[in-house]
């Protein structure tokens, strides 16, 4: 009865995402974007699905659409930063993390410790002796 209503499709997309049914979630978010292409949250939902599927370039592209719609959408900057980090583009990751922090999605301590987090898996971190 409500299957074609925007709010129902949005909840369904979120549920599919939470259950790990990403292809179904993507279908919902694409349908929502067709209904309302100016919803930054629908683009972010799509970006999160692509990120979970490790299709980072599509996640970044979806975040870009969300940010064009709402240039203060902190969560879109955070997801975009994570995608760039996964692609090894640390400079772009930091730029987006800084924007995410500016708009309240990340803490300043995350931003301050990020350079060390990059070095840790590479074995290039500096040992501190007490």
Protein backbone atom coordinates (compact mmCIF):
# COMPACT_ATOMS: atom_id res chain seq x y z
CA UNK A 1 0.00 0.00 0.00
CA UNK A 2 2.85 2.42 0.81
CA UNK A 3 5.53 0.87 -1.38
CA UNK A 4 5.77 3.89 -3.69
CA UNK A 5 5.83 6.54 -0.97
CA UNK A 6 9.12 8.34 -0.55
CA UNK A 7 9.29 7.93 3.22
CA UNK A 8 8.64 4.19 2.96
CA UNK A 9 11.37 3.75 0.35
CA UNK A 10 13.78 5.76 2.52
CA UNK A 11 13.16 3.59 5.57
CA UNK A 12 13.42 0.47 3.43
CA UNK A 13 16.75 1.63 2.01
CA UNK A 14 18.12 2.29 5.49
CA UNK A 15 16.91 -1.12 6.67
CA UNK A 16 18.51 -2.89 3.72
CA UNK A 17 21.76 -1.03 4.41
CA UNK A 18 21.66 -2.04 8.08
CA UNK A 19 21.10 -5.66 7.09
CA UNK A 20 24.01 -5.60 4.66
CA UNK A 21 21.72 -6.02 1.65
CA UNK A 22 23.59 -3.39 -0.28
CA UNK A 23 22.27 -4.05 -3.78
CA UNK A 24 18.71 -3.69 -2.49
CA UNK A 25 19.68 -0.53 -0.59
CA UNK A 26 21.30 0.93 -3.71
CA UNK A 27 18.12 0.26 -5.67
CA UNK A 28 16.11 2.12 -3.01
CA UNK A 29 18.48 5.10 -2.91
CA UNK A 30 18.56 5.34 -6.70
CA UNK A 31 14.76 5.31 -6.74
CA UNK A 32 14.73 8.03 -4.09
CA UNK A 33 17.22 10.12 -6.06
CA UNK A 34 14.98 9.79 -9.11
CA UNK A 35 12.09 11.07 -6.96
CA UNK A 36 14.06 13.83 -5.26
CA UNK A 37 17.51 14.47 -6.76
CA UNK A 38 18.09 17.41 -4.39
CA UNK A 39 18.15 15.33 -1.22
CA UNK A 40 21.68 15.28 0.15
CA UNK A 41 20.77 12.47 2.55
CA UNK A 42 19.71 10.18 -0.32
CA UNK A 43 23.05 10.77 -2.03
CA UNK A 44 24.83 10.04 1.25
CA UNK A 45 22.85 6.81 1.63
CA UNK A 46 24.03 5.79 -1.83
CA UNK A 47 27.61 6.78 -0.97
CA UNK A 48 27.56 4.66 2.19
CA UNK A 49 26.42 1.65 0.16
CA UNK A 50 29.19 2.08 -2.38
CA UNK A 51 31.73 2.56 0.42
CA UNK A 52 30.66 -0.72 2.03
CA UNK A 53 31.01 -2.43 -1.35
CA UNK A 54 34.50 -0.89 -1.59
CA UNK A 55 33.57 1.00 -4.76
CA UNK A 56 35.29 4.09 -3.47
CA UNK A 57 35.20 6.19 -6.65
CA UNK A 58 31.40 5.91 -6.78
CA UNK A 59 31.21 6.69 -3.05
CA UNK A 60 33.21 9.87 -3.64
CA UNK A 61 31.03 10.84 -6.59
CA UNK A 62 27.83 10.37 -4.56
CA UNK A 63 29.34 12.44 -1.72
CA UNK A 64 30.17 15.17 -4.23
CA UNK A 65 26.51 15.37 -5.22
CA UNK A 66 25.50 15.55 -1.55
CA UNK A 67 28.02 18.34 -0.93
CA UNK A 68 26.86 20.31 -3.97
CA UNK A 69 23.34 20.21 -2.50
CA UNK A 70 24.50 21.01 1.05
CA UNK A 71 28.03 22.36 1.32
CA UNK A 72 27.95 21.96 5.11
CA UNK A 73 26.90 18.29 5.11
CA UNK A 74 29.48 17.01 7.58
CA UNK A 75 28.72 13.30 7.16
CA UNK A 76 29.29 13.51 3.40
CA UNK A 77 32.74 14.99 4.01
CA UNK A 78 33.51 12.21 6.50
CA UNK A 79 32.51 9.41 4.13
CA UNK A 80 34.38 11.10 1.30
CA UNK A 81 37.46 11.35 3.52
CA UNK A 82 37.23 7.66 4.41
CA UNK A 83 36.93 6.75 0.72
CA UNK A 84 39.98 8.82 -0.20
CA UNK A 85 41.90 7.24 2.67
CA UNK A 86 41.03 3.76 1.40
CA UNK A 87 42.32 4.78 -2.04
CA UNK A 88 45.61 5.92 -0.50
CA UNK A 89 44.98 9.60 -1.17
CA UNK A 90 45.88 10.86 2.29
CA UNK A 91 45.99 14.53 1.32
CA UNK A 92 42.40 14.51 0.03
CA UNK A 93 41.35 12.45 3.04
CA UNK A 94 42.72 15.10 5.39
CA UNK A 95 41.03 17.90 3.42
CA UNK A 96 37.66 16.19 3.74
CA UNK A 97 38.20 15.19 7.36
CA UNK A 98 38.98 18.83 8.15
CA UNK A 99 35.68 19.89 6.57
CA UNK A 100 33.86 17.13 8.47
CA UNK A 101 35.39 18.41 11.70
CA UNK A 102 34.47 22.00 10.85
CA UNK A 103 30.81 21.04 10.47
CA UNK A 104 30.70 18.73 13.50
CA UNK A 105 31.03 15.15 12.23
CA UNK A 106 34.54 14.48 13.54
CA UNK A 107 36.38 15.61 16.62
CA UNK A 108 39.46 17.78 16.53
CA UNK A 109 41.38 14.98 18.27
CA UNK A 110 40.68 12.72 15.26
CA UNK A 111 42.12 15.37 12.96
CA UNK A 112 45.11 15.95 15.25
CA UNK A 113 46.01 12.24 15.46
CA UNK A 114 45.30 11.35 11.83
CA UNK A 115 48.90 11.81 10.60
CA UNK A 116 50.09 9.28 13.18
CA UNK A 117 47.33 6.86 12.23
CA UNK A 118 48.66 6.93 8.69
CA UNK A 119 52.19 6.14 9.82
CA UNK A 120 51.27 3.34 12.24
CA UNK A 121 50.49 0.59 9.71
CA UNK A 122 53.55 1.60 7.69
CA UNK A 123 55.80 1.14 10.73
CA UNK A 124 56.90 4.78 10.53
CA UNK A 125 55.49 5.95 13.83
CA UNK A 126 57.71 7.51 16.42
CA UNK A 127 58.04 5.61 19.69
CA UNK A 128 57.64 7.77 22.76
CA UNK A 129 59.55 6.74 25.88
CA UNK A 130 58.25 7.74 29.29
